[in-house]
Protein backbone atom coordinates (compact mmCIF):
# COMPACT_ATOMS: atom_id res chain seq x y z
CA UNK A 1 -44.57 -37.13 -22.63
CA UNK A 2 -44.14 -38.55 -20.16
CA UNK A 3 -40.39 -39.95 -17.80
CA UNK A 4 -41.42 -43.80 -17.57
CA UNK A 5 -38.38 -46.20 -15.61
CA UNK A 6 -37.28 -48.55 -17.81
CA UNK A 7 -38.03 -51.72 -15.62
CA UNK A 8 -41.80 -51.32 -16.70
CA UNK A 9 -40.88 -52.41 -20.02
CA UNK A 10 -41.31 -55.02 -21.85
CA UNK A 11 -40.94 -56.85 -25.08
CA UNK A 12 -40.22 -53.99 -27.04
CA UNK A 13 -40.19 -53.99 -30.64
CA UNK A 14 -37.95 -51.85 -33.05
CA UNK A 15 -40.22 -52.46 -36.12
CA UNK A 16 -43.44 -50.90 -36.90
CA UNK A 17 -44.19 -54.07 -38.83
CA UNK A 18 -45.36 -55.52 -35.53
CA UNK A 19 -48.42 -53.04 -34.70
CA UNK A 20 -49.53 -55.26 -37.48
CA UNK A 21 -51.70 -52.54 -39.11
CA UNK A 22 -53.96 -55.26 -40.70
CA UNK A 23 -55.31 -55.96 -37.82
CA UNK A 24 -56.49 -52.46 -36.23
CA UNK A 25 -59.56 -51.34 -37.29
CA UNK A 26 -59.10 -46.91 -37.49
CA UNK A 27 -61.03 -45.71 -34.56
CA UNK A 28 -64.55 -44.56 -35.61
CA UNK A 29 -65.37 -40.72 -35.54
CA UNK A 30 -65.87 -40.13 -31.22
CA UNK A 31 -69.07 -39.56 -30.14
CA UNK A 32 -70.73 -36.61 -29.01
CA UNK A 33 -69.95 -36.26 -24.62
CA UNK A 34 -72.86 -38.21 -22.64
CA UNK A 35 -73.31 -41.02 -25.29
CA UNK A 36 -74.49 -43.60 -23.83
CA UNK A 37 -72.39 -46.03 -23.06
CA UNK A 38 -73.72 -49.82 -22.17
CA UNK A 39 -71.74 -53.12 -21.71
CA UNK A 40 -73.72 -56.44 -23.15
CA UNK A 41 -72.10 -59.03 -20.42
CA UNK A 42 -74.50 -61.22 -19.73
CA UNK A 43 -73.31 -61.49 -15.55
CA UNK A 44 -72.90 -57.94 -15.62
CA UNK A 45 -76.86 -57.19 -16.44
CA UNK A 46 -78.20 -60.30 -14.32
CA UNK A 47 -76.20 -58.59 -11.42
CA UNK A 48 -77.73 -55.25 -12.15
CA UNK A 49 -81.26 -56.39 -12.18
CA UNK A 50 -80.24 -58.64 -9.48
CA UNK A 51 -79.40 -54.94 -7.70
CA UNK A 52 -82.91 -53.04 -8.68
CA UNK A 53 -84.94 -55.96 -7.57
CA UNK A 54 -83.38 -55.89 -3.73
CA UNK A 55 -83.78 -52.36 -3.90
CA UNK A 56 -87.50 -52.61 -5.02
CA UNK A 57 -87.80 -55.35 -2.80
CA UNK A 58 -87.28 -53.51 0.46
CA UNK A 59 -89.16 -50.77 -0.90
CA UNK A 60 -92.34 -52.91 -0.48
CA UNK A 61 -91.64 -54.01 2.67
CA UNK A 62 -90.26 -50.57 4.45
CA UNK A 63 -94.02 -49.47 2.35
CA UNK A 64 -96.58 -51.97 2.65
CA UNK A 65 -95.56 -53.94 6.18
CA UNK A 66 -94.36 -50.73 8.26
CA UNK A 67 -94.68 -47.55 7.43
CA UNK A 68 -98.38 -47.77 5.60
CA UNK A 69 -100.26 -50.39 8.21
CA UNK A 70 -98.86 -47.60 10.96
CA UNK A 71 -101.46 -45.35 12.53
CA UNK A 72 -98.80 -42.94 13.27
CA UNK A 73 -98.44 -40.73 10.28
CA UNK A 74 -96.13 -38.28 10.99
CA UNK A 75 -93.94 -41.46 11.60
CA UNK A 76 -94.64 -42.93 8.29
CA UNK A 77 -94.33 -40.15 6.69
CA UNK A 78 -91.09 -38.94 7.22
CA UNK A 79 -89.58 -41.94 6.71
CA UNK A 80 -90.67 -42.91 3.80
CA UNK A 81 -89.80 -39.28 2.27
CA UNK A 82 -86.37 -39.77 3.39
CA UNK A 83 -86.25 -43.66 2.24
CA UNK A 84 -87.68 -43.07 -0.88
CA UNK A 85 -85.69 -40.46 -1.53
CA UNK A 86 -82.83 -42.24 -0.68
CA UNK A 87 -83.98 -45.07 -2.91
CA UNK A 88 -84.48 -42.40 -6.02
CA UNK A 89 -80.72 -40.92 -5.52
CA UNK A 90 -79.41 -44.60 -5.74
CA UNK A 91 -81.36 -46.10 -8.18
CA UNK A 92 -80.35 -43.12 -10.43
CA UNK A 93 -76.52 -43.26 -9.33
CA UNK A 94 -76.47 -46.68 -10.14
CA UNK A 95 -77.82 -45.61 -13.22
CA UNK A 96 -75.46 -43.22 -14.41
CA UNK A 97 -72.48 -45.55 -13.09
CA UNK A 98 -73.64 -48.09 -15.45
CA UNK A 99 -74.48 -45.90 -18.24
CA UNK A 100 -71.78 -43.99 -18.60
CA UNK A 101 -68.57 -44.12 -20.60
CA UNK A 102 -66.05 -44.86 -17.49
CA UNK A 103 -63.36 -43.52 -20.26
CA UNK A 104 -62.40 -45.57 -23.29
CA UNK A 105 -59.28 -45.49 -25.08
CA UNK A 106 -59.99 -44.71 -28.58
CA UNK A 107 -60.27 -48.27 -30.28
CA UNK A 108 -57.84 -49.15 -33.21
CA UNK A 109 -55.66 -46.42 -33.50
CA UNK A 110 -52.27 -48.37 -33.19
CA UNK A 111 -52.04 -48.52 -37.08
CA UNK A 112 -48.96 -47.25 -38.51
CA UNK A 113 -49.53 -44.06 -40.05
CA UNK A 114 -50.55 -43.08 -36.39
CA UNK A 115 -47.30 -44.47 -34.90
CA UNK A 116 -45.51 -42.53 -37.40
CA UNK A 117 -47.13 -39.47 -37.06
CA UNK A 118 -46.15 -39.03 -33.39
CA UNK A 119 -42.12 -38.75 -34.98
CA UNK A 120 -40.84 -40.79 -31.98
CA UNK A 121 -37.09 -40.30 -31.35
CA UNK A 122 -35.00 -42.25 -29.68
CA UNK A 123 -35.58 -42.69 -25.90
CA UNK A 124 -39.64 -42.47 -26.65
CA UNK A 125 -41.91 -45.08 -26.51
CA UNK A 126 -45.84 -45.95 -26.83
CA UNK A 127 -47.45 -48.58 -25.05
CA UNK A 128 -49.64 -50.76 -27.33
CA UNK A 129 -52.61 -52.69 -26.37
CA UNK A 130 -52.47 -56.04 -28.41
CA UNK A 131 -56.29 -56.83 -27.46
CA UNK A 132 -57.86 -54.06 -28.16
CA UNK A 133 -55.25 -52.06 -31.01
CA UNK A 134 -55.13 -48.89 -29.01
CA UNK A 135 -51.72 -46.91 -28.44
CA UNK A 136 -52.36 -46.66 -24.27
CA UNK A 137 -52.02 -43.03 -22.11
CA UNK A 138 -50.72 -43.26 -18.59
CA UNK A 139 -52.57 -44.73 -16.12
CA UNK A 140 -54.63 -46.96 -18.72
CA UNK A 141 -55.39 -50.38 -17.99
CA UNK A 142 -57.33 -53.03 -20.34
CA UNK A 143 -60.51 -55.09 -19.05
CA UNK A 144 -61.27 -58.14 -20.85
CA UNK A 145 -65.11 -57.63 -19.98
CA UNK A 146 -65.54 -54.06 -21.11
CA UNK A 147 -62.66 -54.74 -24.07
CA UNK A 148 -61.52 -51.81 -23.89
CA UNK A 149 -58.65 -50.13 -21.95
CA UNK A 150 -59.97 -47.88 -19.62
CA UNK A 151 -58.23 -44.65 -18.09
CA UNK A 152 -57.60 -44.40 -14.34
CA UNK A 153 -59.64 -47.82 -14.40
CA UNK A 154 -59.88 -48.71 -10.73
CA UNK A 155 -62.02 -51.87 -11.03
CA UNK A 156 -64.52 -53.52 -13.06
CA UNK A 157 -67.91 -53.40 -10.82
CA UNK A 158 -70.57 -56.83 -12.08
CA UNK A 159 -73.36 -54.68 -9.87
CA UNK A 160 -73.38 -51.50 -12.30
CA UNK A 161 -72.28 -53.53 -15.05
CA UNK A 162 -69.32 -51.34 -15.38
CA UNK A 163 -65.75 -50.24 -15.00
CA UNK A 164 -65.36 -47.63 -12.73
CA UNK A 165 -62.85 -44.95 -13.94
CA UNK A 166 -62.42 -41.76 -14.23
CA UNK A 167 -65.79 -40.41 -15.79
CA UNK A 168 -67.94 -42.06 -13.51
CA UNK A 169 -66.47 -42.67 -10.31
CA UNK A 170 -68.34 -40.42 -8.98
CA UNK A 171 -71.09 -41.86 -9.75
CA UNK A 172 -70.22 -45.30 -8.82
CA UNK A 173 -69.53 -43.74 -5.11
CA UNK A 174 -73.07 -42.24 -4.67
CA UNK A 175 -74.26 -45.42 -4.91
CA UNK A 176 -72.88 -47.20 -2.64
CA UNK A 177 -72.96 -44.53 0.11
CA UNK A 178 -76.94 -44.21 -0.62
CA UNK A 179 -77.30 -48.50 -0.66
CA UNK A 180 -75.70 -47.97 2.72
CA UNK A 181 -77.80 -45.20 3.86
CA UNK A 182 -80.82 -46.92 2.94
CA UNK A 183 -79.36 -50.31 4.42
CA UNK A 184 -79.04 -48.69 7.49
CA UNK A 185 -82.29 -47.05 7.59
CA UNK A 186 -83.62 -49.94 6.54
CA UNK A 187 -82.44 -51.56 9.69
CA UNK A 188 -83.33 -49.14 12.07
CA UNK A 189 -87.07 -49.51 10.98
CA UNK A 190 -87.35 -52.85 10.93
CA UNK A 191 -85.80 -52.93 14.55
CA UNK A 192 -88.34 -50.10 15.92
CA UNK A 193 -90.95 -52.48 13.95
CA UNK A 194 -90.41 -55.35 15.74
CA UNK A 195 -89.84 -53.98 19.36
CA UNK A 196 -93.41 -52.24 18.88
CA UNK A 197 -95.18 -55.21 17.47
CA UNK A 198 -93.85 -57.56 20.04
CA UNK A 199 -94.86 -54.79 22.37
CA UNK A 200 -98.21 -54.71 21.36
CA UNK A 201 -100.15 -56.15 18.61
CA UNK A 202 -98.76 -59.70 18.48
CA UNK A 203 -98.72 -60.01 22.07
CA UNK A 204 -102.25 -59.38 21.93
CA UNK A 205 -102.99 -61.74 19.30
CA UNK A 206 -101.30 -64.07 21.11
CA UNK A 207 -103.23 -64.06 24.30
CA UNK A 208 -106.00 -63.73 22.45
CA UNK A 209 -105.78 -66.82 20.14
CA UNK A 210 -103.40 -68.73 23.22
CA UNK A 211 -107.34 -69.00 25.15
CA UNK A 212 -108.41 -72.24 25.31
CA UNK A 213 -111.45 -74.24 26.07
CA UNK A 214 -111.70 -74.02 29.78
CA UNK A 215 -110.18 -69.84 29.47
CA UNK A 216 -113.05 -69.56 27.15
CA UNK A 217 -116.08 -71.21 28.89
CA UNK A 218 -114.80 -69.52 32.16
CA UNK A 219 -114.91 -66.05 30.32
CA UNK A 220 -118.29 -67.06 28.42
CA UNK A 221 -116.87 -66.90 24.60
CA UNK A 222 -118.32 -68.80 22.23
CA UNK A 223 -116.59 -70.82 19.35
CA UNK A 224 -118.34 -68.63 16.99
CA UNK A 225 -117.06 -65.63 19.20
CA UNK A 226 -113.49 -66.68 18.37
CA UNK A 227 -113.69 -67.56 15.00
CA UNK A 228 -114.82 -63.87 14.36
CA UNK A 229 -112.20 -61.30 13.85
CA UNK A 230 -110.29 -60.04 16.34
CA UNK A 231 -110.53 -55.60 17.35
CA UNK A 232 -107.44 -55.06 18.90
CA UNK A 233 -107.22 -51.54 20.60
CA UNK A 234 -103.49 -50.81 19.86
CA UNK A 235 -102.39 -49.69 16.23
CA UNK A 236 -102.46 -52.45 13.37
CA UNK A 237 -98.82 -53.88 12.92
CA UNK A 238 -99.13 -55.19 9.62
CA UNK A 239 -101.72 -55.91 6.78
CA UNK A 240 -100.34 -59.55 6.56
CA UNK A 241 -100.42 -62.75 8.79
CA UNK A 242 -97.73 -62.20 12.01
CA UNK A 243 -95.98 -65.46 9.76
CA UNK A 244 -95.58 -63.58 7.07
CA UNK A 245 -94.59 -60.41 8.38
CA UNK A 246 -92.04 -62.23 10.39
CA UNK A 247 -90.47 -63.47 7.48
CA UNK A 248 -90.55 -60.75 5.30
CA UNK A 249 -88.36 -58.64 7.95
CA UNK A 250 -86.03 -60.80 8.80
CA UNK A 251 -85.13 -61.23 4.97
CA UNK A 252 -84.48 -57.68 4.66
CA UNK A 253 -82.89 -57.25 8.07
CA UNK A 254 -80.42 -59.86 6.65
CA UNK A 255 -80.49 -58.15 3.31
CA UNK A 256 -79.79 -54.55 5.06
CA UNK A 257 -76.77 -56.17 7.19
CA UNK A 258 -75.13 -57.73 4.20
CA UNK A 259 -75.35 -55.39 1.70
CA UNK A 260 -74.44 -52.30 4.73
CA UNK A 261 -71.29 -53.88 5.61
CA UNK A 262 -70.13 -54.31 1.44
CA UNK A 263 -71.43 -51.15 -0.01
CA UNK A 264 -69.55 -49.32 3.79
CA UNK A 265 -66.39 -51.21 2.57
CA UNK A 266 -66.66 -50.43 -0.79
CA UNK A 267 -66.98 -46.40 -0.33
CA UNK A 268 -64.55 -46.43 1.54
CA UNK A 269 -62.29 -47.39 -0.26
CA UNK A 270 -63.37 -45.47 -3.23
CA UNK A 271 -62.82 -42.71 -1.20
CA UNK A 272 -59.37 -43.88 -0.40
CA UNK A 273 -58.48 -44.09 -3.64
CA UNK A 274 -59.71 -40.44 -4.90
CA UNK A 275 -58.26 -38.79 -2.17
CA UNK A 276 -54.73 -40.86 -2.60
CA UNK A 277 -55.29 -40.84 -6.23
CA UNK A 278 -53.91 -43.60 -6.61
CA UNK A 279 -56.49 -46.38 -8.25
CA UNK A 280 -57.10 -50.07 -7.14
CA UNK A 281 -55.05 -51.45 -9.72
CA UNK A 282 -52.37 -49.07 -9.39
CA UNK A 283 -52.40 -49.97 -5.29
CA UNK A 284 -52.31 -53.50 -6.63
CA UNK A 285 -48.88 -53.77 -8.85
CA UNK A 286 -47.47 -50.81 -6.67
CA UNK A 287 -46.74 -53.40 -3.76
CA UNK A 288 -44.32 -51.61 -1.45
CA UNK A 289 -42.85 -49.43 -3.71
CA UNK A 290 -43.58 -46.06 -2.44
CA UNK A 291 -45.63 -43.60 -5.19
CA UNK A 292 -45.97 -39.75 -5.68
CA UNK A 293 -49.20 -38.82 -4.66
CA UNK A 294 -50.86 -35.53 -5.93
CA UNK A 295 -53.07 -33.28 -3.64
CA UNK A 296 -56.18 -35.46 -2.41
CA UNK A 297 -58.31 -32.57 -2.03
CA UNK A 298 -57.84 -31.44 -5.94
CA UNK A 299 -57.91 -34.90 -6.67
CA UNK A 300 -61.90 -34.91 -4.33
CA UNK A 301 -63.08 -32.04 -6.45
CA UNK A 302 -61.68 -33.30 -9.80
CA UNK A 303 -63.83 -36.43 -8.84
CA UNK A 304 -66.84 -34.72 -7.83
CA UNK A 305 -67.01 -32.07 -10.17
CA UNK A 306 -65.09 -28.53 -8.26
CA UNK A 307 -65.86 -27.15 -5.31
CA UNK A 308 -67.96 -29.10 -2.25
CA UNK A 309 -71.80 -27.78 -2.97
CA UNK A 310 -74.69 -30.08 -3.00
CA UNK A 311 -73.62 -31.18 -6.39
CA UNK A 312 -71.13 -33.53 -5.18
CA UNK A 313 -74.61 -35.64 -4.23
CA UNK A 314 -76.80 -35.37 -7.13
CA UNK A 315 -76.25 -38.10 -9.61
CA UNK A 316 -77.44 -36.07 -12.46
CA UNK A 317 -74.11 -33.41 -12.79
CA UNK A 318 -71.28 -34.33 -13.97
CA UNK A 319 -67.58 -34.59 -12.52
CA UNK A 320 -65.26 -32.06 -14.14
CA UNK A 321 -64.39 -33.73 -17.42
CA UNK A 322 -61.18 -34.76 -18.14
CA UNK A 323 -59.41 -33.17 -20.49
CA UNK A 324 -58.79 -34.93 -23.23
CA UNK A 325 -54.99 -35.92 -24.48
CA UNK A 326 -53.10 -34.87 -26.92
CA UNK A 327 -50.62 -37.07 -28.59
CA UNK A 328 -47.75 -36.07 -26.81
CA UNK A 329 -49.75 -37.21 -24.08
CA UNK A 330 -49.30 -40.85 -25.42
CA UNK A 331 -45.37 -40.25 -26.01
CA UNK A 332 -43.47 -41.59 -23.04
CA UNK A 333 -39.67 -41.35 -22.59
CA UNK A 334 -37.27 -43.86 -20.78
CA UNK A 335 -34.40 -43.41 -19.22
CA UNK A 336 -31.99 -45.70 -20.23
CA UNK A 337 -32.59 -48.32 -23.10
CA UNK A 338 -29.59 -50.42 -21.98
CA UNK A 339 -31.46 -52.21 -19.97
CA UNK A 340 -34.56 -52.65 -21.60
CA UNK A 341 -35.93 -55.88 -22.99
CA UNK A 342 -35.97 -56.43 -27.37
CA UNK A 343 -36.57 -59.60 -29.73
CA UNK A 344 -34.58 -57.46 -32.56
CA UNK A 345 -31.16 -58.13 -33.55
CA UNK A 346 -28.11 -56.34 -31.88
CA UNK A 347 -26.95 -55.65 -35.66
CA UNK A 348 -30.18 -53.17 -36.01
CA UNK A 349 -28.89 -51.69 -33.22
CA UNK A 350 -27.70 -49.27 -35.71
CA UNK A 351 -31.05 -48.47 -37.16
CA UNK A 352 -31.62 -46.93 -33.61
CA UNK A 353 -33.18 -43.18 -35.47
CA UNK A 354 -35.34 -44.48 -38.02
CA UNK A 355 -37.13 -47.10 -35.76
CA UNK A 356 -40.14 -46.88 -34.02
CA UNK A 357 -40.41 -47.89 -29.95
CA UNK A 358 -43.50 -49.81 -29.23
CA UNK A 359 -44.05 -51.58 -25.95
CA UNK A 360 -47.02 -54.62 -25.93
CA UNK A 361 -48.38 -54.10 -22.65
């Protein structure tokens, strides 16, 4: 049971009939931990597909335009292993963030029988979500896309087609981190590739194909010889033509720069939210009001799964499983009921001992 200020309340009802039990279906039996979760949202599914397509496009350009044609095998092998490992971890983190239950509150448990079983005393209240008919624990918010109340909901991200909550925030942080790393890695390789190509291969190709008729005659080169494939002594820049290579690299450069900025900002805001133990929604609701924070290091360990180890960076390891809230955790205590808004007549104040305090949030 928690103490909460009365100014957060609105539309307090004092009758169990307000719960409209006929509209609240009892929640199904909870599934096992790790059950796959998937949101059927067209926009989110499209964004998730685009995310995979962009990562695979970067994979194609890095491998078939820059690394495989290169004759520096050590450079190609090292960068190929690093880039593919980061891309695999990024996509694995994306899948875990998308297919993990972010912390959904049981749907339809705001029934008359359940509320009466809590045996609320005068001054005690429970939050009810009228959209999903659930009793909301502390720090839970309703998502209009997922159509569920999510514990410690930070925001709904269409790129992972899921909410970011207490159960999948680790995977979302890893996803943004690995995307930022492969974007930075790709930008560095594009820069080296451009310098290498302009300095060697493309310079030689332009010089060779730029010979005019007078230069050809002076050099004794026939038209038939000029049409033959050129044998450039330097290492081959790409298996594609120079214009195609330039277009592919420019698109990759634009994609990498855009996603590097975006994911770096998202990574920073998520780490800040974890360290301060305050979600993005709570920060917007609080505005300039101070809020008591828990220990930052403890919040980090709870999010990433225990003490610092390599499992922090492993998208296949689970974070610390939060304790399942008991029925007592759903009950909150108000400091005073004199300032709360009510839709009941004053004549019913005498029935306070037998009433149910329900807050429609």
